[in-house]
Amino acid sequence: MSLDKATVRRIATLARLDVPDSDLEPLANELSSIMGWIEQLQEVDTTSVAPMTGGTDMKLVWRVDEVTDGGKPDDVLANATDSQGAFFTVPKVVE
């Protein structure tokens, strides 16, 4: 598939890209090349290939869903600008 400058200008407009006129011809050549690769891929017979979602056959590891405090209250409070006991203190914002 060969794209002309008008088509590339239209694609750039739809993509909200400001492409100078001097760059339209090289961009048209690059996009035409990409479309050529896509056409080649469409010719490949994939009827015997099973669909897949990833490159490996992995199972997700499940963990128990339980609520915890994270086990590191001192590390968390180390980031606070001001703390009192095991709590963050913040300036009053409501008068």
C-alpha atoms as a PDB file:
ATOM      1  CA  MET A   1       0.000   0.000   0.000  1.00  0.00           C
ATOM      2  CA  SER A   2       1.384   3.352  -0.990  1.00  0.00           C
ATOM      3  CA  LEU A   3       0.435   6.448   0.963  1.00  0.00           C
ATOM      4  CA  ASP A   4       0.541   9.893  -0.590  1.00  0.00           C
ATOM      5  CA  LYS A   5       1.311  13.201   1.109  1.00  0.00           C
ATOM      6  CA  ALA A   6      -2.387  14.118   1.423  1.00  0.00           C
ATOM      7  CA  THR A   7      -3.157  10.883   3.267  1.00  0.00           C
ATOM      8  CA  VAL A   8      -0.189  11.352   5.601  1.00  0.00           C
ATOM      9  CA  ARG A   9      -1.288  14.948   6.273  1.00  0.00           C
ATOM     10  CA  ARG A  10      -4.788  13.620   7.147  1.00  0.00           C
ATOM     11  CA  ILE A  11      -3.343  10.955   9.458  1.00  0.00           C
ATOM     12  CA  ALA A  12      -1.175  13.572  11.178  1.00  0.00           C
ATOM     13  CA  THR A  13      -4.198  15.829  11.641  1.00  0.00           C
ATOM     14  CA  LEU A  14      -6.227  12.990  13.162  1.00  0.00           C
ATOM     15  CA  ALA A  15      -3.315  12.164  15.476  1.00  0.00           C
ATOM     16  CA  ARG A  16      -3.046  15.856  16.431  1.00  0.00           C
ATOM     17  CA  LEU A  17       0.531  16.021  15.120  1.00  0.00           C
ATOM     18  CA  ASP A  18       2.011  19.098  13.516  1.00  0.00           C
ATOM     19  CA  VAL A  19       4.123  17.723  10.667  1.00  0.00           C
ATOM     20  CA  PRO A  20       5.934  20.245   8.433  1.00  0.00           C
ATOM     21  CA  ASP A  21       5.356  19.871   4.694  1.00  0.00           C
ATOM     22  CA  SER A  22       9.040  19.035   4.189  1.00  0.00           C
ATOM     23  CA  ASP A  23       8.630  15.934   6.391  1.00  0.00           C
ATOM     24  CA  LEU A  24       5.509  14.592   4.682  1.00  0.00           C
ATOM     25  CA  GLU A  25       7.283  12.776   1.839  1.00  0.00           C
ATOM     26  CA  PRO A  26       9.789  10.875   4.052  1.00  0.00           C
ATOM     27  CA  LEU A  27       6.993  10.070   6.490  1.00  0.00           C
ATOM     28  CA  ALA A  28       4.814   8.802   3.633  1.00  0.00           C
ATOM     29  CA  ASN A  29       7.643   6.477   2.560  1.00  0.00           C
ATOM     30  CA  GLU A  30       8.108   5.153   6.102  1.00  0.00           C
ATOM     31  CA  LEU A  31       4.387   4.595   6.650  1.00  0.00           C
ATOM     32  CA  SER A  32       4.086   2.899   3.242  1.00  0.00           C
ATOM     33  CA  SER A  33       6.927   0.575   4.237  1.00  0.00           C
ATOM     34  CA  ILE A  34       5.167  -0.268   7.512  1.00  0.00           C
ATOM     35  CA  MET A  35       1.899  -0.927   5.689  1.00  0.00           C
ATOM     36  CA  GLY A  36       3.816  -3.228   3.316  1.00  0.00           C
ATOM     37  CA  TRP A  37       5.045  -5.295   6.275  1.00  0.00           C
ATOM     38  CA  ILE A  38       1.482  -5.504   7.598  1.00  0.00           C
ATOM     39  CA  GLU A  39       0.262  -6.744   4.211  1.00  0.00           C
ATOM     40  CA  GLN A  40       2.977  -9.418   4.258  1.00  0.00           C
ATOM     41  CA  LEU A  41       1.889 -10.528   7.724  1.00  0.00           C
ATOM     42  CA  GLN A  42      -1.724 -10.814   6.573  1.00  0.00           C
ATOM     43  CA  GLU A  43      -0.654 -13.328   3.920  1.00  0.00           C
ATOM     44  CA  VAL A  44       0.729 -15.755   6.521  1.00  0.00           C
ATOM     45  CA  ASP A  45      -1.486 -18.794   7.136  1.00  0.00           C
ATOM     46  CA  THR A  46      -2.203 -18.925  10.883  1.00  0.00           C
ATOM     47  CA  THR A  47      -5.152 -21.347  10.848  1.00  0.00           C
ATOM     48  CA  SER A  48      -3.216 -24.073  12.699  1.00  0.00           C
ATOM     49  CA  VAL A  49      -1.713 -21.688  15.271  1.00  0.00           C
ATOM     50  CA  ALA A  50      -3.515 -21.560  18.617  1.00  0.00           C
ATOM     51  CA  PRO A  51      -4.222 -18.080  19.979  1.00  0.00           C
ATOM     52  CA  MET A  52      -2.086 -17.034  22.903  1.00  0.00           C
ATOM     53  CA  THR A  53      -1.941 -14.189  25.358  1.00  0.00           C
ATOM     54  CA  GLY A  54       1.779 -14.249  26.099  1.00  0.00           C
ATOM     55  CA  GLY A  55       5.071 -15.798  25.149  1.00  0.00           C
ATOM     56  CA  THR A  56       5.197 -18.282  28.013  1.00  0.00           C
ATOM     57  CA  ASP A  57       2.756 -20.714  29.566  1.00  0.00           C
ATOM     58  CA  MET A  58       2.780 -19.371  33.121  1.00  0.00           C
ATOM     59  CA  LYS A  59       0.205 -19.468  35.873  1.00  0.00           C
ATOM     60  CA  LEU A  60      -0.273 -16.587  38.272  1.00  0.00           C
ATOM     61  CA  VAL A  61       0.696 -17.233  41.862  1.00  0.00           C
ATOM     62  CA  TRP A  62      -2.214 -16.514  44.169  1.00  0.00           C
ATOM     63  CA  ARG A  63      -1.762 -15.304  47.703  1.00  0.00           C
ATOM     64  CA  VAL A  64      -4.153 -15.065  50.596  1.00  0.00           C
ATOM     65  CA  ASP A  65      -5.998 -11.750  50.545  1.00  0.00           C
ATOM     66  CA  GLU A  66      -5.605 -10.463  54.077  1.00  0.00           C
ATOM     67  CA  VAL A  67      -5.433  -6.995  55.568  1.00  0.00           C
ATOM     68  CA  THR A  68      -2.148  -6.170  57.290  1.00  0.00           C
ATOM     69  CA  ASP A  69      -0.420  -3.043  58.508  1.00  0.00           C
ATOM     70  CA  GLY A  70       2.538  -3.736  56.246  1.00  0.00           C
ATOM     71  CA  GLY A  71       4.740  -4.742  59.147  1.00  0.00           C
ATOM     72  CA  LYS A  72       6.991  -1.688  58.805  1.00  0.00           C
ATOM     73  CA  PRO A  73       5.434   1.184  60.757  1.00  0.00           C
ATOM     74  CA  ASP A  74       8.826   2.674  61.650  1.00  0.00           C
ATOM     75  CA  ASP A  75       9.904   2.761  57.981  1.00  0.00           C
ATOM     76  CA  VAL A  76       6.625   4.404  56.978  1.00  0.00           C
ATOM     77  CA  LEU A  77       6.777   7.006  59.745  1.00  0.00           C
ATOM     78  CA  ALA A  78      10.392   7.792  58.850  1.00  0.00           C
ATOM     79  CA  ASN A  79       9.003   9.622  55.787  1.00  0.00           C
ATOM     80  CA  ALA A  80       6.674  11.802  57.849  1.00  0.00           C
ATOM     81  CA  THR A  81       7.580  15.426  58.426  1.00  0.00           C
ATOM     82  CA  ASP A  82       5.885  15.233  61.815  1.00  0.00           C
ATOM     83  CA  SER A  83       4.495  12.256  63.722  1.00  0.00           C
ATOM     84  CA  GLN A  84       2.989  11.540  67.105  1.00  0.00           C
ATOM     85  CA  GLY A  85       3.327   7.983  68.336  1.00  0.00           C
ATOM     86  CA  ALA A  86       2.347   5.702  65.452  1.00  0.00           C
ATOM     87  CA  PHE A  87       0.438   8.412  63.551  1.00  0.00           C
ATOM     88  CA  PHE A  88       1.130  11.150  61.009  1.00  0.00           C
ATOM     89  CA  THR A  89       0.352  14.650  62.193  1.00  0.00           C
ATOM     90  CA  VAL A  90      -0.912  17.133  59.647  1.00  0.00           C
ATOM     91  CA  PRO A  91      -1.808  20.810  59.877  1.00  0.00           C
ATOM     92  CA  LYS A  92      -5.426  21.699  60.533  1.00  0.00           C
ATOM     93  CA  VAL A  93      -7.185  22.600  57.291  1.00  0.00           C
ATOM     94  CA  VAL A  94     -10.750  23.154  58.572  1.00  0.00           C
ATOM     95  CA  GLU A  95     -11.465  26.240  60.618  1.00  0.00           C
END
